[in-house]
């Protein structure tokens, strides 16, 4: 199986707009008004949803590392 993704959210940048939660429900969940919980190592099958979440973030707080795509 292919390696998964590595997701990192800069919680200092995050303003809880929750756009990631709409783009990739199940991978990003907002508890209350400020506590974002996210999957730091989703499977590579979640790539599209995670990428959608990354680009939807108005403050660009989401970083995604994709071992499969490095070096291309």
N, C-alpha and C. Protein backbone atom coordinates (compact mmCIF):
# COMPACT_ATOMS: atom_id res chain seq x y z
N UNK A 1 0.85 -1.19 0.00
CA UNK A 1 0.00 0.00 0.00
C UNK A 1 0.88 1.24 0.00
N UNK A 2 0.38 2.31 -0.59
CA UNK A 2 1.17 3.53 -0.70
C UNK A 2 1.21 4.25 0.64
N UNK A 3 2.27 5.03 0.84
CA UNK A 3 2.38 5.75 2.11
C UNK A 3 1.26 6.77 2.25
N UNK A 4 0.91 7.08 3.47
CA UNK A 4 -0.14 8.05 3.70
C UNK A 4 0.38 9.46 3.58
N UNK A 5 -0.49 10.38 3.87
CA UNK A 5 -0.13 11.80 3.84
C UNK A 5 0.26 12.25 5.23
N UNK A 6 0.95 13.37 5.29
CA UNK A 6 1.22 13.99 6.58
C UNK A 6 0.58 15.36 6.56
N UNK A 7 -0.30 15.59 7.52
CA UNK A 7 -1.04 16.85 7.59
C UNK A 7 -0.63 17.60 8.85
N UNK A 8 -0.36 18.88 8.70
CA UNK A 8 -0.02 19.71 9.83
C UNK A 8 -0.81 21.00 9.75
N UNK A 9 -1.52 21.34 10.80
CA UNK A 9 -2.27 22.59 10.84
C UNK A 9 -1.59 23.53 11.82
N UNK A 10 -1.27 24.71 11.36
CA UNK A 10 -0.69 25.73 12.23
C UNK A 10 -1.83 26.33 13.05
N UNK A 11 -1.96 25.87 14.28
CA UNK A 11 -3.09 26.29 15.11
C UNK A 11 -2.96 27.75 15.57
N UNK A 12 -1.77 28.35 15.41
CA UNK A 12 -1.63 29.78 15.68
C UNK A 12 -2.24 30.60 14.55
N UNK A 13 -2.17 30.06 13.33
CA UNK A 13 -2.76 30.74 12.17
C UNK A 13 -4.26 30.49 12.07
N UNK A 14 -4.67 29.29 12.45
CA UNK A 14 -6.07 28.87 12.29
C UNK A 14 -7.02 29.84 12.98
N UNK A 15 -8.03 30.29 12.23
CA UNK A 15 -9.02 31.22 12.77
C UNK A 15 -10.39 30.56 12.93
N UNK A 16 -10.44 29.25 12.83
CA UNK A 16 -11.68 28.47 13.00
C UNK A 16 -12.77 28.87 12.01
N UNK A 17 -12.38 29.13 10.77
CA UNK A 17 -13.37 29.37 9.72
C UNK A 17 -14.11 28.09 9.35
N UNK A 18 -13.49 26.95 9.66
CA UNK A 18 -14.09 25.63 9.45
C UNK A 18 -14.28 25.24 8.00
N UNK A 19 -13.63 25.94 7.09
CA UNK A 19 -13.75 25.56 5.68
C UNK A 19 -13.20 24.16 5.44
N UNK A 20 -12.16 23.79 6.18
CA UNK A 20 -11.58 22.45 6.04
C UNK A 20 -12.59 21.38 6.46
N UNK A 21 -13.40 21.71 7.45
CA UNK A 21 -14.40 20.75 7.95
C UNK A 21 -15.46 20.47 6.88
N UNK A 22 -15.79 21.50 6.09
CA UNK A 22 -16.75 21.30 5.00
C UNK A 22 -16.10 20.57 3.83
N UNK A 23 -14.83 20.87 3.58
CA UNK A 23 -14.13 20.28 2.44
C UNK A 23 -13.77 18.82 2.68
N UNK A 24 -13.43 18.49 3.92
CA UNK A 24 -12.99 17.13 4.24
C UNK A 24 -13.55 16.69 5.58
N UNK A 25 -14.88 16.53 5.65
CA UNK A 25 -15.47 16.08 6.92
C UNK A 25 -14.92 14.71 7.27
N UNK A 26 -14.72 14.48 8.56
CA UNK A 26 -14.13 13.22 8.96
C UNK A 26 -12.62 13.32 9.14
N UNK A 27 -12.01 14.28 8.45
CA UNK A 27 -10.58 14.49 8.60
C UNK A 27 -10.30 15.75 9.43
N UNK A 28 -11.24 16.70 9.38
CA UNK A 28 -11.13 17.92 10.17
C UNK A 28 -12.46 18.14 10.89
N UNK A 29 -12.40 18.32 12.21
CA UNK A 29 -13.62 18.51 13.00
C UNK A 29 -13.37 19.65 13.97
N UNK A 30 -14.31 20.58 14.01
CA UNK A 30 -14.21 21.70 14.94
C UNK A 30 -15.07 21.39 16.16
N UNK A 31 -14.45 21.39 17.33
CA UNK A 31 -15.19 21.19 18.58
C UNK A 31 -15.32 22.54 19.25
N UNK A 32 -16.55 22.97 19.48
CA UNK A 32 -16.75 24.29 20.04
C UNK A 32 -16.39 25.33 19.00
N UNK A 33 -15.92 26.48 19.44
CA UNK A 33 -15.61 27.55 18.50
C UNK A 33 -14.16 27.59 18.08
N UNK A 34 -13.31 26.89 18.83
CA UNK A 34 -11.89 27.07 18.54
C UNK A 34 -11.06 25.81 18.46
N UNK A 35 -11.54 24.70 18.97
CA UNK A 35 -10.69 23.50 19.04
C UNK A 35 -10.82 22.67 17.77
N UNK A 36 -9.81 22.74 16.93
CA UNK A 36 -9.80 21.96 15.70
C UNK A 36 -9.09 20.64 15.95
N UNK A 37 -9.76 19.56 15.61
CA UNK A 37 -9.15 18.24 15.66
C UNK A 37 -9.00 17.78 14.23
N UNK A 38 -7.84 17.18 13.92
CA UNK A 38 -7.63 16.73 12.55
C UNK A 38 -6.79 15.47 12.54
N UNK A 39 -6.88 14.74 11.44
CA UNK A 39 -6.14 13.50 11.27
C UNK A 39 -4.76 13.86 10.71
N UNK A 40 -3.69 13.67 11.50
CA UNK A 40 -2.36 14.07 11.05
C UNK A 40 -1.76 13.11 10.02
N UNK A 41 -2.35 11.92 9.89
CA UNK A 41 -1.80 10.93 8.96
C UNK A 41 -2.89 10.19 8.21
N UNK A 42 -3.66 10.91 7.38
CA UNK A 42 -4.73 10.23 6.62
C UNK A 42 -4.13 9.33 5.54
N UNK A 43 -4.91 8.37 5.10
CA UNK A 43 -4.42 7.48 4.04
C UNK A 43 -4.35 8.25 2.73
N UNK A 44 -3.56 7.72 1.81
CA UNK A 44 -3.40 8.41 0.53
C UNK A 44 -4.71 8.44 -0.26
N UNK A 45 -5.65 7.58 0.08
CA UNK A 45 -6.95 7.60 -0.61
C UNK A 45 -7.74 8.87 -0.27
N UNK A 46 -7.34 9.57 0.78
CA UNK A 46 -8.02 10.81 1.18
C UNK A 46 -7.40 12.04 0.51
N UNK A 47 -6.45 11.80 -0.39
CA UNK A 47 -5.66 12.89 -0.98
C UNK A 47 -6.53 14.03 -1.53
N UNK A 48 -7.57 13.71 -2.30
CA UNK A 48 -8.40 14.77 -2.90
C UNK A 48 -9.11 15.62 -1.86
N UNK A 49 -9.68 14.96 -0.87
CA UNK A 49 -10.39 15.69 0.19
C UNK A 49 -9.42 16.57 0.98
N UNK A 50 -8.25 16.04 1.30
CA UNK A 50 -7.26 16.79 2.07
C UNK A 50 -6.77 17.99 1.28
N UNK A 51 -6.55 17.79 -0.02
CA UNK A 51 -6.10 18.88 -0.88
C UNK A 51 -7.19 19.96 -0.99
N UNK A 52 -8.45 19.52 -1.07
CA UNK A 52 -9.58 20.46 -1.09
C UNK A 52 -9.58 21.29 0.19
N UNK A 53 -9.36 20.63 1.32
CA UNK A 53 -9.32 21.32 2.60
C UNK A 53 -8.18 22.32 2.64
N UNK A 54 -7.02 21.91 2.15
CA UNK A 54 -5.84 22.78 2.17
C UNK A 54 -6.10 24.07 1.39
N UNK A 55 -6.65 23.94 0.18
CA UNK A 55 -6.86 25.14 -0.64
C UNK A 55 -8.04 25.97 -0.16
N UNK A 56 -8.94 25.37 0.61
CA UNK A 56 -10.11 26.11 1.09
C UNK A 56 -9.80 26.97 2.30
N UNK A 57 -8.67 26.75 2.95
CA UNK A 57 -8.34 27.48 4.17
C UNK A 57 -8.00 28.94 3.85
N UNK A 58 -8.81 29.89 4.37
CA UNK A 58 -8.58 31.30 4.04
C UNK A 58 -7.27 31.85 4.59
N UNK A 59 -6.71 31.22 5.62
CA UNK A 59 -5.46 31.73 6.20
C UNK A 59 -4.28 30.80 5.91
N UNK A 60 -4.50 29.79 5.04
CA UNK A 60 -3.45 28.87 4.62
C UNK A 60 -2.71 28.23 5.80
N UNK A 61 -3.50 27.75 6.76
CA UNK A 61 -2.92 27.15 7.96
C UNK A 61 -2.61 25.66 7.79
N UNK A 62 -3.06 25.06 6.69
CA UNK A 62 -2.90 23.62 6.50
C UNK A 62 -1.73 23.31 5.58
N UNK A 63 -0.81 22.48 6.08
CA UNK A 63 0.31 22.01 5.27
C UNK A 63 0.14 20.52 5.05
N UNK A 64 0.38 20.09 3.82
CA UNK A 64 0.26 18.67 3.49
C UNK A 64 1.56 18.19 2.88
N UNK A 65 2.11 17.12 3.44
CA UNK A 65 3.27 16.48 2.84
C UNK A 65 2.81 15.16 2.24
N UNK A 66 3.17 14.96 1.00
CA UNK A 66 2.77 13.76 0.29
C UNK A 66 4.03 13.02 -0.16
N UNK A 67 4.45 12.00 0.60
CA UNK A 67 5.69 11.28 0.29
C UNK A 67 5.71 10.73 -1.13
N UNK A 68 4.53 10.35 -1.63
CA UNK A 68 4.44 9.75 -2.96
C UNK A 68 4.77 10.76 -4.05
N UNK A 69 4.51 12.03 -3.79
CA UNK A 69 4.67 13.05 -4.84
C UNK A 69 5.96 13.83 -4.70
N UNK A 70 6.76 13.52 -3.70
CA UNK A 70 8.01 14.28 -3.52
C UNK A 70 9.03 13.84 -4.55
N UNK A 71 9.83 14.80 -4.98
CA UNK A 71 10.85 14.49 -5.96
C UNK A 71 10.35 14.47 -7.39
N UNK A 72 9.11 14.90 -7.59
CA UNK A 72 8.58 14.94 -8.97
C UNK A 72 8.68 16.32 -9.54
